[in-house]
C-alpha atoms as a PDB file:
ATOM      1  CA  MET A   1     -11.676 125.824 112.241  1.00  0.00           C
ATOM      2  CA  THR A   2      -9.258 123.175 111.514  1.00  0.00           C
ATOM      3  CA  ALA A   3     -10.050 119.411 111.559  1.00  0.00           C
ATOM      4  CA  HIS A   4      -8.220 118.986 114.640  1.00  0.00           C
ATOM      5  CA  GLU A   5      -9.947 121.803 116.065  1.00  0.00           C
ATOM      6  CA  GLN A   6     -13.423 120.374 115.245  1.00  0.00           C
ATOM      7  CA  LEU A   7     -12.179 116.932 116.604  1.00  0.00           C
ATOM      8  CA  LEU A   8     -10.815 118.326 119.950  1.00  0.00           C
ATOM      9  CA  THR A   9     -14.672 120.271 120.149  1.00  0.00           C
ATOM     10  CA  ARG A  10     -16.128 117.097 120.034  1.00  0.00           C
ATOM     11  CA  VAL A  11     -13.926 114.951 122.201  1.00  0.00           C
ATOM     12  CA  GLU A  12     -14.507 117.786 124.982  1.00  0.00           C
ATOM     13  CA  ALA A  13     -18.035 117.802 124.404  1.00  0.00           C
ATOM     14  CA  LYS A  14     -18.164 114.124 124.823  1.00  0.00           C
ATOM     15  CA  ALA A  15     -15.863 113.787 127.944  1.00  0.00           C
ATOM     16  CA  ARG A  16     -18.064 116.108 129.665  1.00  0.00           C
ATOM     17  CA  ASP A  17     -20.765 113.552 129.420  1.00  0.00           C
ATOM     18  CA  THR A  18     -18.941 110.406 129.876  1.00  0.00           C
ATOM     19  CA  ARG A  19     -16.803 109.107 133.025  1.00  0.00           C
ATOM     20  CA  PRO A  20     -14.731 106.165 132.460  1.00  0.00           C
ATOM     21  CA  TYR A  21     -14.428 103.475 135.550  1.00  0.00           C
ATOM     22  CA  GLY A  22     -12.714 104.883 138.446  1.00  0.00           C
ATOM     23  CA  TRP A  23     -12.910 108.502 137.655  1.00  0.00           C
ATOM     24  CA  THR A  24     -15.822 110.565 139.601  1.00  0.00           C
ATOM     25  CA  SER A  25     -15.163 113.569 137.480  1.00  0.00           C
ATOM     26  CA  LEU A  26     -13.109 115.186 134.465  1.00  0.00           C
ATOM     27  CA  PRO A  27      -9.727 116.324 135.706  1.00  0.00           C
ATOM     28  CA  ALA A  28      -8.306 119.677 135.151  1.00  0.00           C
ATOM     29  CA  PRO A  29      -6.308 120.028 132.145  1.00  0.00           C
ATOM     30  CA  VAL A  30      -2.460 119.914 132.670  1.00  0.00           C
ATOM     31  CA  ASP A  31      -0.672 123.542 132.151  1.00  0.00           C
ATOM     32  CA  THR A  32       2.456 124.059 129.932  1.00  0.00           C
ATOM     33  CA  ALA A  33       4.776 123.485 132.716  1.00  0.00           C
ATOM     34  CA  THR A  34       3.428 120.212 133.646  1.00  0.00           C
ATOM     35  CA  LEU A  35       3.605 119.017 129.927  1.00  0.00           C
ATOM     36  CA  ALA A  36       7.232 120.598 129.644  1.00  0.00           C
ATOM     37  CA  ARG A  37       7.863 118.050 132.697  1.00  0.00           C
ATOM     38  CA  ALA A  38       6.465 115.234 130.846  1.00  0.00           C
ATOM     39  CA  GLU A  39       8.180 115.765 127.695  1.00  0.00           C
ATOM     40  CA  ALA A  40      11.702 116.357 129.659  1.00  0.00           C
ATOM     41  CA  ALA A  41      10.984 113.026 131.424  1.00  0.00           C
ATOM     42  CA  LEU A  42      10.211 111.189 128.495  1.00  0.00           C
ATOM     43  CA  GLY A  43      13.067 112.589 126.162  1.00  0.00           C
ATOM     44  CA  PHE A  44      10.671 113.205 123.389  1.00  0.00           C
ATOM     45  CA  ARG A  45       7.544 115.464 122.510  1.00  0.00           C
ATOM     46  CA  LEU A  46       4.247 114.508 122.552  1.00  0.00           C
ATOM     47  CA  PRO A  47       2.463 114.749 118.994  1.00  0.00           C
ATOM     48  CA  PRO A  48       0.444 118.045 118.751  1.00  0.00           C
ATOM     49  CA  LEU A  49      -3.092 116.523 119.325  1.00  0.00           C
ATOM     50  CA  LEU A  50      -1.984 114.297 122.168  1.00  0.00           C
ATOM     51  CA  ALA A  51      -0.738 117.428 123.772  1.00  0.00           C
ATOM     52  CA  GLN A  52      -3.766 119.335 123.164  1.00  0.00           C
ATOM     53  CA  LEU A  53      -5.951 116.515 124.626  1.00  0.00           C
ATOM     54  CA  TYR A  54      -4.049 116.974 128.056  1.00  0.00           C
ATOM     55  CA  LEU A  55      -3.736 121.079 127.898  1.00  0.00           C
ATOM     56  CA  ARG A  56      -7.297 121.822 126.657  1.00  0.00           C
ATOM     57  CA  ILE A  57      -9.788 118.787 127.685  1.00  0.00           C
ATOM     58  CA  GLY A  58      -8.478 117.157 130.971  1.00  0.00           C
ATOM     59  CA  ASP A  59      -5.473 115.213 132.698  1.00  0.00           C
ATOM     60  CA  GLY A  60      -7.146 112.005 131.810  1.00  0.00           C
ATOM     61  CA  GLY A  61     -10.280 110.408 132.671  1.00  0.00           C
ATOM     62  CA  PHE A  62     -11.973 110.404 129.280  1.00  0.00           C
ATOM     63  CA  GLY A  63     -12.088 107.976 126.253  1.00  0.00           C
ATOM     64  CA  PRO A  64     -12.697 104.420 125.353  1.00  0.00           C
ATOM     65  CA  GLU A  65     -12.907 102.061 128.407  1.00  0.00           C
ATOM     66  CA  TYR A  66     -10.915 102.936 131.299  1.00  0.00           C
ATOM     67  CA  GLY A  67      -9.908 106.384 129.670  1.00  0.00           C
ATOM     68  CA  LEU A  68      -7.211 108.361 128.788  1.00  0.00           C
ATOM     69  CA  LEU A  69      -4.197 108.036 131.628  1.00  0.00           C
ATOM     70  CA  PRO A  70      -3.055 110.989 133.395  1.00  0.00           C
ATOM     71  CA  LEU A  71       0.090 112.374 132.097  1.00  0.00           C
ATOM     72  CA  LEU A  72       2.250 112.425 135.345  1.00  0.00           C
ATOM     73  CA  ASP A  73       0.048 111.590 138.528  1.00  0.00           C
ATOM     74  CA  SER A  74      -1.801 108.478 138.784  1.00  0.00           C
ATOM     75  CA  PRO A  75      -5.565 108.567 138.372  1.00  0.00           C
ATOM     76  CA  PRO A  76      -8.399 107.712 140.942  1.00  0.00           C
ATOM     77  CA  ALA A  77      -8.807 104.358 139.865  1.00  0.00           C
ATOM     78  CA  GLY A  78      -5.209 103.459 140.658  1.00  0.00           C
ATOM     79  CA  GLU A  79      -3.642 102.970 137.211  1.00  0.00           C
ATOM     80  CA  PRO A  80       0.062 104.320 136.584  1.00  0.00           C
ATOM     81  CA  ALA A  81       0.051 107.447 134.677  1.00  0.00           C
ATOM     82  CA  ALA A  82       1.255 107.555 131.133  1.00  0.00           C
ATOM     83  CA  VAL A  83       4.717 108.928 131.819  1.00  0.00           C
ATOM     84  CA  PRO A  84       5.875 106.812 134.782  1.00  0.00           C
ATOM     85  CA  HIS A  85       4.517 103.632 133.061  1.00  0.00           C
ATOM     86  CA  TYR A  86       6.413 104.290 129.997  1.00  0.00           C
ATOM     87  CA  LEU A  87       9.419 104.768 131.958  1.00  0.00           C
ATOM     88  CA  SER A  88       8.847 101.754 133.847  1.00  0.00           C
ATOM     89  CA  GLN A  89       8.315  99.549 130.786  1.00  0.00           C
ATOM     90  CA  ARG A  90      11.379 100.885 129.117  1.00  0.00           C
ATOM     91  CA  GLU A  91      13.024  99.651 131.831  1.00  0.00           C
ATOM     92  CA  SER A  92      11.464  96.685 132.261  1.00  0.00           C
ATOM     93  CA  GLY A  93      12.376  95.730 128.800  1.00  0.00           C
ATOM     94  CA  ARG A  94      15.801  96.600 129.333  1.00  0.00           C
ATOM     95  CA  LYS A  95      16.060  94.181 132.284  1.00  0.00           C
ATOM     96  CA  ASP A  96      14.377  91.585 130.152  1.00  0.00           C
ATOM     97  CA  PRO A  97      15.283  92.005 126.709  1.00  0.00           C
ATOM     98  CA  GLU A  98      12.730  89.181 125.614  1.00  0.00           C
ATOM     99  CA  TRP A  99       9.862  91.739 126.398  1.00  0.00           C
ATOM    100  CA  PRO A 100      11.118  95.127 124.927  1.00  0.00           C
ATOM    101  CA  TRP A 101       9.221  98.417 125.271  1.00  0.00           C
ATOM    102  CA  PRO A 102       9.863 100.466 121.863  1.00  0.00           C
ATOM    103  CA  GLU A 103      11.463 104.058 122.219  1.00  0.00           C
ATOM    104  CA  GLY A 104       8.488 106.603 121.691  1.00  0.00           C
ATOM    105  CA  VAL A 105       5.465 104.483 122.185  1.00  0.00           C
ATOM    106  CA  LEU A 106       3.448 106.156 124.945  1.00  0.00           C
ATOM    107  CA  PRO A 107       0.854 104.077 126.674  1.00  0.00           C
ATOM    108  CA  ILE A 108      -2.247 106.456 126.935  1.00  0.00           C
ATOM    109  CA  SER A 109      -5.207 104.297 127.904  1.00  0.00           C
ATOM    110  CA  HIS A 110      -5.606 100.921 129.681  1.00  0.00           C
ATOM    111  CA  TRP A 111      -7.936  98.245 128.420  1.00  0.00           C
ATOM    112  CA  GLY A 112      -7.683  95.777 131.150  1.00  0.00           C
ATOM    113  CA  CYS A 113      -5.911  92.537 131.614  1.00  0.00           C
ATOM    114  CA  ALA A 114      -2.564  94.224 130.781  1.00  0.00           C
ATOM    115  CA  MET A 115      -3.824  95.808 127.491  1.00  0.00           C
ATOM    116  CA  TYR A 116      -3.175  99.180 126.512  1.00  0.00           C
ATOM    117  CA  ALA A 117      -3.648 101.770 123.552  1.00  0.00           C
ATOM    118  CA  CYS A 118      -0.443 103.586 122.865  1.00  0.00           C
ATOM    119  CA  VAL A 119       0.689 106.549 120.640  1.00  0.00           C
ATOM    120  CA  ASP A 120       3.749 106.102 118.620  1.00  0.00           C
ATOM    121  CA  CYS A 121       5.238 109.470 119.004  1.00  0.00           C
ATOM    122  CA  ARG A 122       7.865 109.003 116.516  1.00  0.00           C
ATOM    123  CA  ALA A 123       5.476 108.493 113.856  1.00  0.00           C
ATOM    124  CA  PRO A 124       4.201 111.630 112.014  1.00  0.00           C
ATOM    125  CA  GLU A 125       0.582 110.629 112.214  1.00  0.00           C
ATOM    126  CA  ALA A 126       0.712 109.558 115.823  1.00  0.00           C
ATOM    127  CA  THR A 127      -0.219 105.802 115.049  1.00  0.00           C
ATOM    128  CA  VAL A 128      -2.329 104.191 117.878  1.00  0.00           C
ATOM    129  CA  LEU A 129      -1.189 100.741 118.860  1.00  0.00           C
ATOM    130  CA  LEU A 130      -2.741  97.995 120.821  1.00  0.00           C
ATOM    131  CA  PHE A 131      -0.212  96.177 123.364  1.00  0.00           C
ATOM    132  CA  GLU A 132      -2.015  92.825 123.911  1.00  0.00           C
ATOM    133  CA  PRO A 133       0.645  90.861 125.931  1.00  0.00           C
ATOM    134  CA  ASN A 134      -1.753  87.874 126.972  1.00  0.00           C
ATOM    135  CA  PRO A 135      -0.842  85.259 124.414  1.00  0.00           C
ATOM    136  CA  GLY A 136       2.608  85.372 126.058  1.00  0.00           C
ATOM    137  CA  ASP A 137       4.773  86.101 122.901  1.00  0.00           C
ATOM    138  CA  PRO A 138       6.033  89.563 122.457  1.00  0.00           C
ATOM    139  CA  ASP A 139       6.273  89.244 118.802  1.00  0.00           C
ATOM    140  CA  HIS A 140       2.731  89.119 118.505  1.00  0.00           C
ATOM    141  CA  ALA A 141       1.609  91.259 121.105  1.00  0.00           C
ATOM    142  CA  TRP A 142       1.495  94.410 118.990  1.00  0.00           C
ATOM    143  CA  PHE A 143      -1.223  95.809 116.616  1.00  0.00           C
ATOM    144  CA  VAL A 144      -2.284  98.804 114.730  1.00  0.00           C
ATOM    145  CA  ASP A 145      -5.271 100.129 116.633  1.00  0.00           C
ATOM    146  CA  ALA A 146      -5.980 103.031 114.177  1.00  0.00           C
ATOM    147  CA  PRO A 147      -3.499 104.722 111.715  1.00  0.00           C
ATOM    148  CA  SER A 148      -3.598 108.144 113.544  1.00  0.00           C
ATOM    149  CA  LEU A 149      -4.625 109.465 117.061  1.00  0.00           C
ATOM    150  CA  ALA A 150      -7.131 111.437 114.981  1.00  0.00           C
ATOM    151  CA  ASP A 151      -8.881 108.440 113.532  1.00  0.00           C
ATOM    152  CA  TRP A 152      -8.746 106.527 117.217  1.00  0.00           C
ATOM    153  CA  LEU A 153     -10.443 109.691 118.889  1.00  0.00           C
ATOM    154  CA  HIS A 154     -12.829 109.774 115.809  1.00  0.00           C
ATOM    155  CA  THR A 155     -13.939 106.148 116.616  1.00  0.00           C
ATOM    156  CA  TRP A 156     -14.516 107.089 120.327  1.00  0.00           C
ATOM    157  CA  VAL A 157     -16.652 109.983 119.474  1.00  0.00           C
ATOM    158  CA  ASP A 158     -18.573 108.147 116.870  1.00  0.00           C
ATOM    159  CA  GLY A 159     -18.731 104.755 118.596  1.00  0.00           C
ATOM    160  CA  THR A 160     -17.372 102.962 115.831  1.00  0.00           C
ATOM    161  CA  GLY A 161     -13.957 101.622 117.747  1.00  0.00           C
ATOM    162  CA  TRP A 162     -13.322  97.630 117.807  1.00  0.00           C
ATOM    163  CA  TYR A 163     -14.085  97.811 121.392  1.00  0.00           C
ATOM    164  CA  GLU A 164     -17.948  98.575 120.685  1.00  0.00           C
ATOM    165  CA  GLU A 165     -20.217  95.689 121.036  1.00  0.00           C
ATOM    166  CA  MET A 166     -21.165  95.844 117.420  1.00  0.00           C
ATOM    167  CA  ASN A 167     -17.549  95.782 116.432  1.00  0.00           C
ATOM    168  CA  GLU A 168     -15.953  93.262 118.559  1.00  0.00           C
ATOM    169  CA  ASP A 169     -15.016  90.914 115.821  1.00  0.00           C
ATOM    170  CA  LEU A 170     -12.914  93.290 113.800  1.00  0.00           C
ATOM    171  CA  GLU A 171      -9.102  92.155 113.397  1.00  0.00           C
ATOM    172  CA  MET A 172      -6.463  94.382 113.729  1.00  0.00           C
ATOM    173  CA  ALA A 173      -3.144  94.147 111.488  1.00  0.00           C
ATOM    174  CA  PRO A 174       0.166  93.418 113.716  1.00  0.00           C
ATOM    175  CA  TRP A 175       2.426  96.410 114.011  1.00  0.00           C
ATOM    176  CA  PRO A 176       4.957  95.669 111.529  1.00  0.00           C
ATOM    177  CA  ASP A 177       7.653  97.857 113.100  1.00  0.00           C
ATOM    178  CA  PHE A 178       7.820  96.052 116.503  1.00  0.00           C
ATOM    179  CA  ARG A 179      11.353  94.519 115.908  1.00  0.00           C
ATOM    180  CA  ILE A 180      12.502  97.440 114.095  1.00  0.00           C
ATOM    181  CA  ARG A 181      11.885  99.678 116.574  1.00  0.00           C
ATOM    182  CA  THR A 182      13.378  97.411 119.684  1.00  0.00           C
ATOM    183  CA  GLY A 183      16.439  96.163 117.634  1.00  0.00           C
ATOM    184  CA  PRO A 184      20.017  96.344 119.357  1.00  0.00           C
ATOM    185  CA  ALA A 185      20.187 100.453 118.278  1.00  0.00           C
ATOM    186  CA  GLN A 186      16.959 101.059 119.781  1.00  0.00           C
ATOM    187  CA  THR A 187      17.012  99.724 123.142  1.00  0.00           C
ATOM    188  CA  SER A 188      19.858 102.188 124.778  1.00  0.00           C
END
């Protein structure tokens, strides 16, 4: 069994036993046609591990805090689904160049107060970023939450994420690629 298979097994077990705010049950996984529609709308493929979360475990409703967003349809809590939210953020960034949204950075989980965990789908390791816009400065709104999606999932199943009560004072490094990834060549 590969490391990703072992991780998926652990995530699946925890997903069956926990329900984030607003979710009454774990939704069914998406099918390959839904994944293909989502990737076509996005214009890029999901990282393999993220795709497997949706194909194997469920269409959102598991994970830290409010849980993973569904891929295409809104969850019971009323949050936007990942793909429409990404497309909306990209469009908003085109209209307001002060707050550009990086291409390929898919919001996957809402933390509340306009903060999102996002996966950099262009990074080979699927870096997880924290978008925290509340200080009001786009240059200081992006942080590296975990070097990879696998690491991010491990912190959830192990109870060691920054959002855990015992770890709430952990400092995150700023995401150094924000302006590189949102420069003029990237915003088209």
